[in-house]
């Protein structure tokens, strides 16, 4: 698996988060600030959620492979 910082999901999330922070920092328009804050939070949360799902599936696959290796090594009666 690629390190998280080298994944396209990370780059897309960072663009969304930076855009959200820029929108949230604009003075004068309350709606733009709220939308920017929501955008930054959603991008950060979605990246975290997606990355954890990928890692859990990878760990589950590795556990299945290890289990099959153990079964294959077991002497037959």
N, C-alpha and C. Protein backbone atom coordinates (compact mmCIF):
# COMPACT_ATOMS: atom_id res chain seq x y z
N UNK A 1 0.83 -1.17 0.00
CA UNK A 1 0.00 0.00 0.00
C UNK A 1 0.89 1.25 0.00
N UNK A 2 0.47 2.23 -0.77
CA UNK A 2 1.19 3.51 -0.82
C UNK A 2 1.07 4.24 0.52
N UNK A 3 2.11 4.97 0.90
CA UNK A 3 1.95 5.84 2.07
C UNK A 3 0.83 6.85 1.80
N UNK A 4 0.10 7.21 2.84
CA UNK A 4 -1.05 8.09 2.68
C UNK A 4 -0.75 9.40 1.99
N UNK A 5 0.40 9.95 2.26
CA UNK A 5 0.74 11.26 1.70
C UNK A 5 0.98 11.20 0.20
N UNK A 6 1.24 10.02 -0.34
CA UNK A 6 1.47 9.87 -1.78
C UNK A 6 0.22 9.45 -2.54
N UNK A 7 -0.91 9.31 -1.84
CA UNK A 7 -2.13 8.86 -2.51
C UNK A 7 -2.91 10.03 -3.10
N UNK A 8 -3.68 9.76 -4.14
CA UNK A 8 -4.50 10.80 -4.76
C UNK A 8 -5.61 11.25 -3.80
N UNK A 9 -6.07 10.35 -2.95
CA UNK A 9 -7.11 10.73 -1.99
C UNK A 9 -6.60 11.82 -1.05
N UNK A 10 -5.35 11.71 -0.65
CA UNK A 10 -4.76 12.72 0.23
C UNK A 10 -4.69 14.07 -0.47
N UNK A 11 -4.24 14.08 -1.71
CA UNK A 11 -4.10 15.32 -2.45
C UNK A 11 -5.47 15.98 -2.65
N UNK A 12 -6.47 15.20 -3.04
CA UNK A 12 -7.81 15.74 -3.24
C UNK A 12 -8.37 16.28 -1.93
N UNK A 13 -8.16 15.54 -0.84
CA UNK A 13 -8.65 16.00 0.46
C UNK A 13 -7.96 17.28 0.89
N UNK A 14 -6.67 17.37 0.65
CA UNK A 14 -5.95 18.59 1.02
C UNK A 14 -6.44 19.80 0.22
N UNK A 15 -6.72 19.60 -1.07
CA UNK A 15 -7.24 20.70 -1.89
C UNK A 15 -8.59 21.15 -1.32
N UNK A 16 -9.45 20.21 -0.97
CA UNK A 16 -10.74 20.55 -0.40
C UNK A 16 -10.61 21.24 0.95
N UNK A 17 -9.70 20.75 1.78
CA UNK A 17 -9.52 21.36 3.10
C UNK A 17 -8.94 22.77 2.99
N UNK A 18 -7.96 22.96 2.12
CA UNK A 18 -7.38 24.29 1.94
C UNK A 18 -8.43 25.25 1.37
N UNK A 19 -9.21 24.76 0.40
CA UNK A 19 -10.29 25.59 -0.14
C UNK A 19 -11.30 25.96 0.93
N UNK A 20 -11.63 25.01 1.79
CA UNK A 20 -12.56 25.28 2.88
C UNK A 20 -12.02 26.30 3.86
N UNK A 21 -10.74 26.19 4.18
CA UNK A 21 -10.12 27.15 5.10
C UNK A 21 -10.09 28.54 4.48
N UNK A 22 -9.80 28.61 3.18
CA UNK A 22 -9.81 29.91 2.50
C UNK A 22 -11.21 30.52 2.53
N UNK A 23 -12.22 29.71 2.22
CA UNK A 23 -13.59 30.21 2.27
C UNK A 23 -13.97 30.65 3.69
N UNK A 24 -13.57 29.87 4.68
CA UNK A 24 -13.92 30.19 6.06
C UNK A 24 -13.22 31.46 6.54
N UNK A 25 -12.11 31.81 5.93
CA UNK A 25 -11.38 32.99 6.39
C UNK A 25 -11.82 34.28 5.70
N UNK A 26 -12.71 34.19 4.73
CA UNK A 26 -13.19 35.39 4.03
C UNK A 26 -14.09 36.18 4.98
N UNK A 27 -13.77 37.42 5.15
CA UNK A 27 -14.54 38.31 6.05
C UNK A 27 -15.79 38.82 5.34
N UNK A 28 -16.83 39.03 6.12
CA UNK A 28 -17.98 39.73 5.61
C UNK A 28 -19.17 38.87 5.21
N UNK A 29 -18.95 37.65 4.81
CA UNK A 29 -20.07 36.80 4.40
C UNK A 29 -20.16 35.59 5.32
N UNK A 30 -21.16 35.59 6.15
CA UNK A 30 -21.34 34.52 7.15
C UNK A 30 -21.58 33.17 6.49
N UNK A 31 -22.34 33.13 5.40
CA UNK A 31 -22.64 31.87 4.73
C UNK A 31 -21.40 31.24 4.11
N UNK A 32 -20.57 32.06 3.53
CA UNK A 32 -19.32 31.56 2.94
C UNK A 32 -18.41 30.98 4.01
N UNK A 33 -18.36 31.61 5.16
CA UNK A 33 -17.55 31.11 6.26
C UNK A 33 -18.07 29.76 6.75
N UNK A 34 -19.38 29.63 6.88
CA UNK A 34 -19.96 28.35 7.34
C UNK A 34 -19.73 27.24 6.33
N UNK A 35 -19.93 27.55 5.06
CA UNK A 35 -19.72 26.54 4.01
C UNK A 35 -18.26 26.12 3.97
N UNK A 36 -17.35 27.07 4.12
CA UNK A 36 -15.92 26.75 4.13
C UNK A 36 -15.55 25.85 5.30
N UNK A 37 -16.08 26.15 6.47
CA UNK A 37 -15.80 25.31 7.64
C UNK A 37 -16.35 23.90 7.44
N UNK A 38 -17.56 23.80 6.90
CA UNK A 38 -18.15 22.48 6.65
C UNK A 38 -17.34 21.72 5.61
N UNK A 39 -16.93 22.40 4.54
CA UNK A 39 -16.13 21.76 3.49
C UNK A 39 -14.82 21.22 4.05
N UNK A 40 -14.13 22.00 4.86
CA UNK A 40 -12.86 21.55 5.44
C UNK A 40 -13.09 20.34 6.35
N UNK A 41 -14.14 20.37 7.16
CA UNK A 41 -14.42 19.26 8.07
C UNK A 41 -14.79 17.99 7.31
N UNK A 42 -15.61 18.12 6.29
CA UNK A 42 -16.05 16.95 5.51
C UNK A 42 -14.87 16.34 4.76
N UNK A 43 -14.02 17.16 4.18
CA UNK A 43 -12.86 16.62 3.45
C UNK A 43 -11.91 15.88 4.38
N UNK A 44 -11.64 16.46 5.53
CA UNK A 44 -10.76 15.79 6.49
C UNK A 44 -11.36 14.49 7.01
N UNK A 45 -12.63 14.53 7.33
CA UNK A 45 -13.30 13.32 7.85
C UNK A 45 -13.42 12.24 6.81
N UNK A 46 -13.72 12.61 5.57
CA UNK A 46 -13.88 11.59 4.53
C UNK A 46 -12.54 10.93 4.20
N UNK A 47 -11.46 11.71 4.23
CA UNK A 47 -10.14 11.10 4.00
C UNK A 47 -9.80 10.10 5.10
N UNK A 48 -10.04 10.51 6.33
CA UNK A 48 -9.75 9.62 7.47
C UNK A 48 -10.57 8.35 7.38
N UNK A 49 -11.85 8.49 7.08
CA UNK A 49 -12.73 7.32 6.99
C UNK A 49 -12.30 6.40 5.83
N UNK A 50 -12.03 6.98 4.69
CA UNK A 50 -11.63 6.18 3.53
C UNK A 50 -10.32 5.46 3.77
N UNK A 51 -9.36 6.13 4.36
CA UNK A 51 -8.06 5.52 4.63
C UNK A 51 -8.18 4.38 5.63
N UNK A 52 -9.03 4.57 6.65
CA UNK A 52 -9.19 3.49 7.64
C UNK A 52 -9.88 2.29 7.01
N UNK A 53 -10.81 2.50 6.09
CA UNK A 53 -11.45 1.36 5.41
C UNK A 53 -10.44 0.59 4.56
N UNK A 54 -9.59 1.31 3.85
CA UNK A 54 -8.57 0.64 3.03
C UNK A 54 -7.62 -0.17 3.89
N UNK A 55 -7.18 0.40 5.00
CA UNK A 55 -6.25 -0.31 5.88
C UNK A 55 -6.92 -1.53 6.52
N UNK A 56 -8.18 -1.42 6.87
CA UNK A 56 -8.85 -2.57 7.50
C UNK A 56 -9.02 -3.70 6.50
N UNK A 57 -9.35 -3.37 5.26
CA UNK A 57 -9.49 -4.42 4.24
C UNK A 57 -8.15 -5.08 3.94
N UNK A 58 -7.09 -4.30 3.95
CA UNK A 58 -5.76 -4.86 3.73
C UNK A 58 -5.38 -5.80 4.87
N UNK A 59 -5.68 -5.41 6.09
CA UNK A 59 -5.37 -6.26 7.25
C UNK A 59 -6.20 -7.54 7.22
N UNK A 60 -7.46 -7.43 6.82
CA UNK A 60 -8.32 -8.62 6.74
C UNK A 60 -7.80 -9.58 5.67
N UNK A 61 -7.38 -9.04 4.53
CA UNK A 61 -6.82 -9.88 3.47
C UNK A 61 -5.55 -10.57 3.92
N UNK A 62 -4.69 -9.86 4.63
CA UNK A 62 -3.45 -10.45 5.12
C UNK A 62 -3.75 -11.56 6.14
N UNK A 63 -4.78 -11.35 6.97
CA UNK A 63 -5.16 -12.38 7.95
C UNK A 63 -5.69 -13.62 7.25
N UNK A 64 -6.47 -13.43 6.19
CA UNK A 64 -6.98 -14.59 5.43
C UNK A 64 -5.84 -15.38 4.80
N UNK A 65 -4.90 -14.67 4.22
CA UNK A 65 -3.76 -15.34 3.59
C UNK A 65 -2.95 -16.11 4.63
N UNK A 66 -2.71 -15.50 5.78
CA UNK A 66 -1.96 -16.18 6.83
C UNK A 66 -2.71 -17.41 7.33
N UNK A 67 -4.02 -17.31 7.44
CA UNK A 67 -4.82 -18.46 7.85
C UNK A 67 -4.73 -19.60 6.85
N UNK A 68 -4.77 -19.27 5.58
CA UNK A 68 -4.64 -20.30 4.55
C UNK A 68 -3.25 -20.93 4.55
N UNK A 69 -2.24 -20.14 4.83
CA UNK A 69 -0.88 -20.70 4.93
C UNK A 69 -0.79 -21.69 6.09
N UNK A 70 -1.41 -21.35 7.20
CA UNK A 70 -1.38 -22.24 8.36
C UNK A 70 -2.11 -23.55 8.06
N UNK A 71 -3.23 -23.45 7.35
CA UNK A 71 -3.98 -24.66 6.99
C UNK A 71 -3.16 -25.51 6.03
N UNK A 72 -2.46 -24.88 5.10
CA UNK A 72 -1.66 -25.62 4.14
C UNK A 72 -0.47 -26.32 4.81
N UNK A 73 0.08 -25.76 5.86
CA UNK A 73 1.22 -26.35 6.56
C UNK A 73 0.80 -27.50 7.47
N UNK A 74 -0.45 -27.52 7.87
CA UNK A 74 -0.94 -28.52 8.83
C UNK A 74 -0.82 -29.92 8.22
N UNK A 75 -0.21 -30.86 8.95
CA UNK A 75 -0.10 -32.22 8.40
C UNK A 75 -1.47 -32.88 8.33
N UNK A 76 -1.70 -33.64 7.28
CA UNK A 76 -2.99 -34.31 7.08
C UNK A 76 -3.00 -35.60 7.86
N UNK A 77 -4.13 -35.87 8.49
CA UNK A 77 -4.28 -37.11 9.27
C UNK A 77 -4.60 -38.30 8.43
